[in-house]
Amino acid sequence: MPDLKQEMADVAAAIERLETQAAAPATPPAPGKVRLRHPHTGDIKEVDAVPEKLIPIMGLGYQQVKE
């Protein structure tokens, strides 16, 4: 049962982290940058708005976040 309790604690921490991120006001990305978010993990990356930088990250499943 300790594994289940640890997993429940991890899930609760992840939910709290996502709620904190959602509550924080979003600042627009810097000029020439694009903000990308992974739909499953919620991880956000800000990268240069050039195909050489965008394509590899979008291939991992990241999607552009619209402000």
Protein backbone atom coordinates (compact mmCIF):
# COMPACT_ATOMS: atom_id res chain seq x y z
CA MET A 1 0.00 0.00 0.00
CA PRO A 2 2.84 2.52 0.46
CA ASP A 3 3.23 2.70 -3.33
CA LEU A 4 -0.41 3.66 -3.73
CA LYS A 5 -0.14 6.34 -1.04
CA GLN A 6 2.97 7.78 -2.70
CA GLU A 7 1.26 7.79 -6.08
CA MET A 8 -1.77 9.60 -4.62
CA ALA A 9 0.57 12.18 -3.05
CA ASP A 10 2.32 12.66 -6.40
CA VAL A 11 -1.00 13.17 -8.17
CA ALA A 12 -2.15 15.68 -5.55
CA ALA A 13 1.13 17.60 -5.92
CA ALA A 14 0.78 17.63 -9.71
CA ILE A 15 -2.79 18.94 -9.48
CA GLU A 16 -1.71 21.67 -7.08
CA ARG A 17 1.15 22.66 -9.41
CA LEU A 18 -1.21 22.85 -12.42
CA GLU A 19 -3.73 24.94 -10.49
CA THR A 20 -0.96 27.31 -9.42
CA GLN A 21 0.24 27.69 -13.02
CA ALA A 22 -3.32 28.33 -14.24
CA ALA A 23 -3.88 30.98 -11.57
CA ALA A 24 -0.69 32.89 -12.39
CA PRO A 25 -1.15 35.68 -14.94
CA ALA A 26 0.51 34.79 -18.22
CA THR A 27 3.00 37.24 -19.63
CA PRO A 28 3.28 37.38 -23.40
CA PRO A 29 6.37 35.78 -24.94
CA ALA A 30 9.26 38.01 -25.92
CA PRO A 31 9.29 39.33 -29.50
CA GLY A 32 10.45 36.65 -31.90
CA LYS A 33 9.54 33.88 -29.44
CA VAL A 34 6.67 31.37 -29.33
CA ARG A 35 5.27 29.69 -26.23
CA LEU A 36 4.61 25.96 -26.59
CA ARG A 37 2.83 23.68 -24.09
CA HIS A 38 2.74 19.89 -23.87
CA PRO A 39 -0.91 18.78 -23.57
CA HIS A 40 -0.23 15.85 -21.23
CA THR A 41 2.43 17.17 -18.88
CA GLY A 42 1.61 20.88 -18.96
CA ASP A 43 5.28 21.69 -19.50
CA ILE A 44 5.72 25.09 -21.17
CA LYS A 45 8.69 26.07 -23.33
CA GLU A 46 9.44 29.41 -24.94
CA VAL A 47 11.47 29.01 -28.15
CA ASP A 48 12.59 31.13 -31.09
CA ALA A 49 9.92 31.46 -33.78
CA VAL A 50 11.98 29.76 -36.49
CA PRO A 51 11.26 26.36 -38.07
CA GLU A 52 14.62 24.94 -36.99
CA LYS A 53 13.64 25.38 -33.33
CA LEU A 54 9.88 24.74 -33.57
CA ILE A 55 9.75 21.53 -35.60
CA PRO A 56 11.73 19.27 -33.22
CA ILE A 57 9.74 20.41 -30.18
CA MET A 58 6.38 20.20 -31.94
CA GLY A 59 7.37 16.69 -33.02
CA LEU A 60 7.41 15.81 -29.32
CA GLY A 61 3.74 16.85 -29.04
CA TYR A 62 4.03 20.48 -27.92
CA GLN A 63 1.35 22.86 -29.17
CA GLN A 64 1.36 26.64 -29.44
CA VAL A 65 -0.30 28.48 -26.56
CA LYS A 66 -2.46 31.39 -27.66
CA GLU A 67 -2.42 34.38 -25.34
